[in-house]
N, C-alpha and C. Protein backbone atom coordinates (compact mmCIF):
# COMPACT_ATOMS: atom_id res chain seq x y z
N MET A 1 1.93 -8.12 -9.18
CA MET A 1 2.04 -9.32 -8.25
C MET A 1 0.62 -9.99 -8.34
N ALA A 2 0.70 -11.28 -8.57
CA ALA A 2 -0.61 -11.96 -8.66
C ALA A 2 -1.13 -12.08 -7.30
N ALA A 3 -2.48 -12.49 -7.42
CA ALA A 3 -3.19 -12.71 -5.98
C ALA A 3 -2.54 -13.91 -5.26
N LEU A 4 -2.43 -13.83 -3.99
CA LEU A 4 -1.88 -14.77 -3.13
C LEU A 4 -2.84 -15.98 -2.90
N LYS A 5 -2.35 -17.14 -2.91
CA LYS A 5 -3.28 -18.26 -2.60
C LYS A 5 -3.03 -18.38 -1.05
N ILE A 6 -4.13 -18.23 -0.38
CA ILE A 6 -4.13 -18.20 1.12
C ILE A 6 -4.71 -19.57 1.51
N THR A 7 -3.98 -20.11 2.43
CA THR A 7 -4.25 -21.39 3.05
C THR A 7 -4.21 -21.19 4.67
N LYS A 8 -4.71 -22.34 5.18
CA LYS A 8 -4.46 -22.32 6.59
C LYS A 8 -3.00 -22.14 7.21
N ASP A 9 -2.12 -22.80 6.21
CA ASP A 9 -0.68 -22.78 6.71
C ASP A 9 -0.04 -21.41 6.57
N ASN A 10 -0.48 -20.44 5.68
CA ASN A 10 0.14 -19.16 5.44
C ASN A 10 -0.79 -17.99 6.04
N PHE A 11 -2.08 -18.36 6.38
CA PHE A 11 -2.97 -17.36 6.76
C PHE A 11 -2.47 -16.33 7.89
N ASN A 12 -1.81 -16.68 8.92
CA ASN A 12 -1.37 -15.89 9.92
C ASN A 12 -0.26 -14.91 9.40
N LYS A 13 0.61 -15.48 8.63
CA LYS A 13 1.62 -14.67 8.19
C LYS A 13 1.17 -13.62 7.10
N GLU A 14 0.48 -14.09 6.10
CA GLU A 14 0.02 -13.37 4.94
C GLU A 14 -1.20 -12.41 5.20
N VAL A 15 -1.94 -12.73 6.29
CA VAL A 15 -3.14 -11.96 6.46
C VAL A 15 -3.09 -11.19 7.88
N MET A 16 -3.13 -12.04 8.83
CA MET A 16 -3.24 -11.54 10.10
C MET A 16 -2.09 -10.58 10.67
N GLU A 17 -0.84 -11.00 10.32
CA GLU A 17 0.43 -10.28 10.59
C GLU A 17 0.82 -9.21 9.47
N SER A 18 -0.19 -8.99 8.36
CA SER A 18 0.19 -7.96 7.35
C SER A 18 0.24 -6.65 7.88
N ASP A 19 1.22 -6.00 7.30
CA ASP A 19 1.17 -4.42 7.77
C ASP A 19 0.50 -3.61 6.84
N ILE A 20 -0.16 -4.34 5.79
CA ILE A 20 -1.01 -3.46 4.84
C ILE A 20 -2.27 -4.31 4.66
N PRO A 21 -3.50 -3.65 4.44
CA PRO A 21 -4.61 -4.37 4.34
C PRO A 21 -4.80 -5.56 3.27
N VAL A 22 -5.58 -6.45 3.64
CA VAL A 22 -5.60 -7.55 2.65
C VAL A 22 -7.02 -7.92 2.15
N LEU A 23 -7.33 -7.78 0.97
CA LEU A 23 -8.60 -8.22 0.40
C LEU A 23 -8.69 -9.84 0.15
N LEU A 24 -9.44 -10.37 0.67
CA LEU A 24 -9.76 -11.88 0.70
C LEU A 24 -10.94 -12.07 -0.33
N ASP A 25 -10.61 -13.09 -1.20
CA ASP A 25 -11.57 -13.42 -2.21
C ASP A 25 -11.88 -14.89 -1.79
N PHE A 26 -13.04 -15.17 -1.31
CA PHE A 26 -13.55 -16.64 -1.05
C PHE A 26 -14.21 -17.05 -2.31
N TRP A 27 -13.70 -18.12 -2.87
CA TRP A 27 -14.08 -18.57 -4.16
C TRP A 27 -14.04 -20.10 -4.34
N ALA A 28 -14.59 -20.81 -5.46
CA ALA A 28 -14.39 -22.06 -5.59
C ALA A 28 -14.32 -22.42 -7.17
N PRO A 29 -13.70 -23.26 -7.64
CA PRO A 29 -13.33 -23.57 -9.22
C PRO A 29 -14.79 -23.83 -9.96
N TRP A 30 -15.92 -24.39 -9.23
CA TRP A 30 -17.06 -24.63 -9.94
C TRP A 30 -18.06 -23.45 -9.92
N CYS A 31 -17.59 -22.48 -9.21
CA CYS A 31 -18.46 -21.24 -9.25
C CYS A 31 -18.41 -20.23 -10.36
N GLY A 32 -19.50 -20.23 -11.08
CA GLY A 32 -19.53 -19.34 -12.27
C GLY A 32 -19.30 -17.79 -11.97
N PRO A 33 -20.07 -17.27 -11.00
CA PRO A 33 -19.78 -15.91 -10.81
C PRO A 33 -18.19 -15.80 -10.32
N CYS A 34 -17.61 -16.56 -9.38
CA CYS A 34 -16.29 -16.53 -8.92
C CYS A 34 -15.17 -16.55 -10.21
N ARG A 35 -15.68 -17.23 -11.22
CA ARG A 35 -14.74 -17.28 -12.34
C ARG A 35 -14.91 -15.95 -13.11
N MET A 36 -16.23 -15.40 -13.12
CA MET A 36 -16.42 -14.10 -13.86
C MET A 36 -15.51 -13.00 -13.15
N VAL A 37 -15.44 -13.10 -11.87
CA VAL A 37 -14.74 -11.76 -11.22
C VAL A 37 -13.24 -12.11 -11.13
N ALA A 38 -12.62 -13.24 -11.26
CA ALA A 38 -11.41 -13.76 -11.14
C ALA A 38 -10.44 -12.72 -12.02
N PRO A 39 -10.77 -12.46 -13.23
CA PRO A 39 -9.81 -11.41 -14.01
C PRO A 39 -9.58 -10.15 -13.31
N MET A 40 -10.92 -9.63 -12.74
CA MET A 40 -10.69 -8.30 -12.06
C MET A 40 -10.08 -8.33 -10.66
N VAL A 41 -10.29 -9.49 -10.14
CA VAL A 41 -9.45 -9.57 -8.92
C VAL A 41 -7.93 -9.66 -9.07
N GLU A 42 -7.58 -10.36 -10.12
CA GLU A 42 -6.17 -10.36 -10.53
C GLU A 42 -5.56 -9.02 -10.99
N GLN A 43 -6.47 -8.29 -11.71
CA GLN A 43 -6.03 -6.89 -12.21
C GLN A 43 -5.98 -6.03 -10.92
N LEU A 44 -6.93 -6.05 -10.01
CA LEU A 44 -6.88 -5.39 -8.88
C LEU A 44 -5.53 -5.60 -7.85
N SER A 45 -5.19 -6.97 -7.98
CA SER A 45 -4.00 -7.19 -7.05
C SER A 45 -2.71 -6.51 -7.65
N GLU A 46 -2.71 -6.29 -8.94
CA GLU A 46 -1.62 -5.53 -9.63
C GLU A 46 -1.65 -4.21 -9.41
N GLU A 47 -2.86 -3.68 -9.27
CA GLU A 47 -3.05 -2.08 -9.06
C GLU A 47 -2.75 -1.62 -7.76
N VAL A 48 -2.98 -2.51 -6.72
CA VAL A 48 -2.86 -2.02 -5.40
C VAL A 48 -1.43 -2.61 -4.72
N GLU A 49 -0.72 -3.17 -5.58
CA GLU A 49 0.54 -3.70 -5.12
C GLU A 49 1.31 -2.78 -4.29
N GLY A 50 1.77 -3.21 -3.10
CA GLY A 50 2.50 -2.27 -2.24
C GLY A 50 1.64 -1.48 -1.40
N LYS A 51 0.42 -1.30 -1.54
CA LYS A 51 -0.55 -0.70 -0.75
C LYS A 51 -1.48 -1.55 -0.13
N ALA A 52 -1.77 -2.67 -0.62
CA ALA A 52 -2.55 -3.76 -0.22
C ALA A 52 -2.29 -5.03 -0.78
N LYS A 53 -2.71 -6.09 -0.15
CA LYS A 53 -2.65 -7.42 -0.81
C LYS A 53 -4.05 -7.88 -1.15
N VAL A 54 -3.96 -8.84 -2.08
CA VAL A 54 -5.12 -9.61 -2.49
C VAL A 54 -4.76 -10.99 -2.36
N GLY A 55 -5.71 -11.76 -1.62
CA GLY A 55 -5.65 -13.19 -1.37
C GLY A 55 -6.87 -13.96 -1.84
N LYS A 56 -6.59 -15.19 -2.30
CA LYS A 56 -7.88 -15.95 -2.80
C LYS A 56 -7.68 -17.16 -1.94
N ILE A 57 -8.90 -17.38 -1.51
CA ILE A 57 -9.21 -18.66 -0.51
C ILE A 57 -10.10 -19.46 -1.20
N ASN A 58 -9.72 -20.86 -1.71
CA ASN A 58 -10.53 -21.61 -2.27
C ASN A 58 -11.39 -22.34 -1.23
N VAL A 59 -12.59 -22.29 -0.96
CA VAL A 59 -13.46 -22.72 0.07
C VAL A 59 -13.68 -24.16 0.16
N ASP A 60 -13.33 -24.98 -1.06
CA ASP A 60 -13.39 -26.46 -1.07
C ASP A 60 -12.21 -26.97 -0.43
N GLU A 61 -10.98 -26.14 -0.60
CA GLU A 61 -9.71 -26.79 0.09
C GLU A 61 -9.44 -26.22 1.46
N GLN A 62 -10.03 -24.99 1.66
CA GLN A 62 -9.74 -24.36 2.92
C GLN A 62 -10.98 -24.26 3.74
N THR A 63 -11.69 -25.42 4.10
CA THR A 63 -12.94 -25.39 4.78
C THR A 63 -12.90 -24.77 6.17
N GLU A 64 -11.82 -24.89 6.92
CA GLU A 64 -11.64 -24.25 8.21
C GLU A 64 -11.57 -22.82 8.20
N LEU A 65 -10.90 -22.05 7.09
CA LEU A 65 -11.04 -20.71 6.92
C LEU A 65 -12.39 -20.32 6.53
N ALA A 66 -13.00 -20.95 5.62
CA ALA A 66 -14.32 -20.46 5.24
C ALA A 66 -15.29 -20.63 6.42
N ALA A 67 -15.16 -21.58 7.19
CA ALA A 67 -15.99 -21.74 8.37
C ALA A 67 -15.75 -20.51 9.42
N ALA A 68 -14.43 -20.32 9.71
CA ALA A 68 -14.00 -19.20 10.50
C ALA A 68 -14.65 -17.82 10.02
N PHE A 69 -14.76 -17.54 8.82
CA PHE A 69 -15.26 -16.24 8.37
C PHE A 69 -16.87 -16.47 7.98
N GLN A 70 -17.45 -17.63 8.40
CA GLN A 70 -18.94 -17.77 8.17
C GLN A 70 -19.28 -17.63 6.80
N ILE A 71 -18.56 -18.14 5.85
CA ILE A 71 -19.01 -17.97 4.49
C ILE A 71 -19.98 -18.89 4.13
N THR A 72 -21.07 -18.41 3.67
CA THR A 72 -22.44 -19.17 3.28
C THR A 72 -22.61 -19.04 1.84
N SER A 73 -22.06 -18.07 1.11
CA SER A 73 -22.26 -18.11 -0.25
C SER A 73 -20.89 -17.46 -0.91
N ILE A 74 -20.64 -17.83 -2.12
CA ILE A 74 -19.53 -17.40 -3.00
C ILE A 74 -19.87 -16.80 -4.26
N PRO A 75 -19.19 -15.91 -4.77
CA PRO A 75 -18.06 -15.09 -4.15
C PRO A 75 -18.27 -14.26 -2.96
N THR A 76 -17.50 -14.41 -2.05
CA THR A 76 -17.65 -13.28 -0.87
C THR A 76 -16.18 -12.71 -0.74
N PHE A 77 -16.17 -11.36 -0.44
CA PHE A 77 -15.03 -10.70 -0.19
C PHE A 77 -14.94 -10.16 1.18
N ALA A 78 -13.75 -10.04 1.79
CA ALA A 78 -13.56 -9.66 3.13
C ALA A 78 -12.30 -8.84 3.18
N VAL A 79 -12.17 -7.68 3.90
CA VAL A 79 -10.92 -6.92 4.12
C VAL A 79 -10.38 -7.13 5.40
N VAL A 80 -9.22 -7.67 5.74
CA VAL A 80 -8.63 -7.71 6.99
C VAL A 80 -7.49 -6.66 7.11
N LYS A 81 -7.57 -5.78 8.19
CA LYS A 81 -6.66 -4.70 8.33
C LYS A 81 -6.16 -4.72 9.81
N ASN A 82 -4.94 -4.69 9.99
CA ASN A 82 -4.43 -4.82 11.50
C ASN A 82 -4.96 -6.18 12.14
N GLY A 83 -5.02 -7.23 11.44
CA GLY A 83 -5.63 -8.39 12.02
C GLY A 83 -7.05 -8.47 12.36
N LYS A 84 -7.88 -7.37 11.90
CA LYS A 84 -9.24 -7.31 12.20
C LYS A 84 -10.06 -7.34 10.82
N ILE A 85 -11.22 -7.86 10.89
CA ILE A 85 -12.08 -7.80 9.82
C ILE A 85 -12.66 -6.41 9.65
N THR A 86 -12.58 -5.84 8.63
CA THR A 86 -13.14 -4.27 8.51
C THR A 86 -14.30 -4.20 7.60
């Protein structure tokens, strides 16, 4: 399963209401380090399928989510489990 594209529209369903942990990758297309880790993020999403989810949040498109997580640099990763950042 490929990493999920997380938006403000599906955030609650895919992340906050998830019954398994969710790794969030905050990234942007212009970010060199983000592009470097992208293949590893995709591979991880396949390896943890069924045990966890991997979601990608484009900070340029999802400014509200980036602000909610106080993202000041990218790439940044966060884990949400049972509706809480761990």
